[in-house]
Amino acid sequence: MEWTAEAEAKLKEIPFFVRPAARKKIEKFAQENNETVITVEVYIAAKQKFNTRS
């Protein structure tokens, strides 16, 4: 799965110890929504879906 530089930068804001799991969840979300590239918009949509502390 391809990530834009901006989305990669957002991913780096997540603590390193949960980053691999977050990456997998975001990529799965993207695949389920027929996205081929992780953009900031896809990242935000995935984060909103999984974030329960809004």
C-alpha atoms as a PDB file:
ATOM      1  CA  MET A   1       0.000   0.000   0.000  1.00  0.00           C
ATOM      2  CA  GLU A   2       1.380   3.384  -1.008  1.00  0.00           C
ATOM      3  CA  TRP A   3       1.409   6.279   1.454  1.00  0.00           C
ATOM      4  CA  THR A   4       1.789   9.960   0.594  1.00  0.00           C
ATOM      5  CA  ALA A   5       4.557  11.833   2.395  1.00  0.00           C
ATOM      6  CA  GLU A   6       1.940  13.874   4.256  1.00  0.00           C
ATOM      7  CA  ALA A   7       0.136  10.750   5.499  1.00  0.00           C
ATOM      8  CA  GLU A   8       3.461   9.196   6.570  1.00  0.00           C
ATOM      9  CA  ALA A   9       4.198  12.347   8.559  1.00  0.00           C
ATOM     10  CA  LYS A  10       0.821  12.061  10.316  1.00  0.00           C
ATOM     11  CA  LEU A  11       1.547   8.407  11.096  1.00  0.00           C
ATOM     12  CA  LYS A  12       4.781   9.460  12.808  1.00  0.00           C
ATOM     13  CA  GLU A  13       2.694  11.476  15.291  1.00  0.00           C
ATOM     14  CA  ILE A  14       1.430   8.158  16.692  1.00  0.00           C
ATOM     15  CA  PRO A  15       3.612   6.677  19.455  1.00  0.00           C
ATOM     16  CA  PHE A  16       6.171   4.293  17.960  1.00  0.00           C
ATOM     17  CA  PHE A  17       5.012   1.298  19.995  1.00  0.00           C
ATOM     18  CA  VAL A  18       1.505   1.319  18.478  1.00  0.00           C
ATOM     19  CA  ARG A  19       2.472   2.634  15.035  1.00  0.00           C
ATOM     20  CA  PRO A  20       2.706  -0.799  13.324  1.00  0.00           C
ATOM     21  CA  ALA A  21      -0.787  -1.756  14.504  1.00  0.00           C
ATOM     22  CA  ALA A  22      -2.151   1.646  13.493  1.00  0.00           C
ATOM     23  CA  ARG A  23      -0.573   1.308  10.044  1.00  0.00           C
ATOM     24  CA  LYS A  24      -2.232  -2.091   9.547  1.00  0.00           C
ATOM     25  CA  LYS A  25      -5.638  -0.773  10.658  1.00  0.00           C
ATOM     26  CA  ILE A  26      -5.383   2.246   8.371  1.00  0.00           C
ATOM     27  CA  GLU A  27      -4.322   0.100   5.420  1.00  0.00           C
ATOM     28  CA  LYS A  28      -7.182  -2.347   6.067  1.00  0.00           C
ATOM     29  CA  PHE A  29      -9.625   0.573   6.262  1.00  0.00           C
ATOM     30  CA  ALA A  30      -8.285   1.886   2.940  1.00  0.00           C
ATOM     31  CA  GLN A  31      -8.616  -1.508   1.247  1.00  0.00           C
ATOM     32  CA  GLU A  32     -12.189  -1.894   2.503  1.00  0.00           C
ATOM     33  CA  ASN A  33     -12.959   1.511   0.977  1.00  0.00           C
ATOM     34  CA  ASN A  34     -11.269   0.720  -2.349  1.00  0.00           C
ATOM     35  CA  GLU A  35      -8.454   3.194  -1.796  1.00  0.00           C
ATOM     36  CA  THR A  36      -5.073   2.430  -3.339  1.00  0.00           C
ATOM     37  CA  VAL A  37      -3.094   5.284  -1.786  1.00  0.00           C
ATOM     38  CA  ILE A  38      -3.129   6.412   1.837  1.00  0.00           C
ATOM     39  CA  THR A  39      -3.599  10.174   1.757  1.00  0.00           C
ATOM     40  CA  VAL A  40      -4.103  12.505   4.703  1.00  0.00           C
ATOM     41  CA  GLU A  41      -7.841  12.353   3.995  1.00  0.00           C
ATOM     42  CA  VAL A  42      -7.870   8.549   4.167  1.00  0.00           C
ATOM     43  CA  TYR A  43      -5.727   8.695   7.301  1.00  0.00           C
ATOM     44  CA  ILE A  44      -8.149  11.104   8.992  1.00  0.00           C
ATOM     45  CA  ALA A  45     -11.208   9.058   7.992  1.00  0.00           C
ATOM     46  CA  ALA A  46      -9.608   5.885   9.361  1.00  0.00           C
ATOM     47  CA  LYS A  47      -8.557   7.624  12.560  1.00  0.00           C
ATOM     48  CA  GLN A  48     -12.088   8.962  13.074  1.00  0.00           C
ATOM     49  CA  LYS A  49     -13.504   5.472  12.611  1.00  0.00           C
ATOM     50  CA  PHE A  50     -11.147   3.896  15.150  1.00  0.00           C
ATOM     51  CA  ASN A  51     -10.837   6.751  17.629  1.00  0.00           C
ATOM     52  CA  THR A  52     -13.312   6.257  20.452  1.00  0.00           C
ATOM     53  CA  ARG A  53     -12.117   9.296  22.429  1.00  0.00           C
ATOM     54  CA  SER A  54     -13.127  11.890  19.802  1.00  0.00           C
END
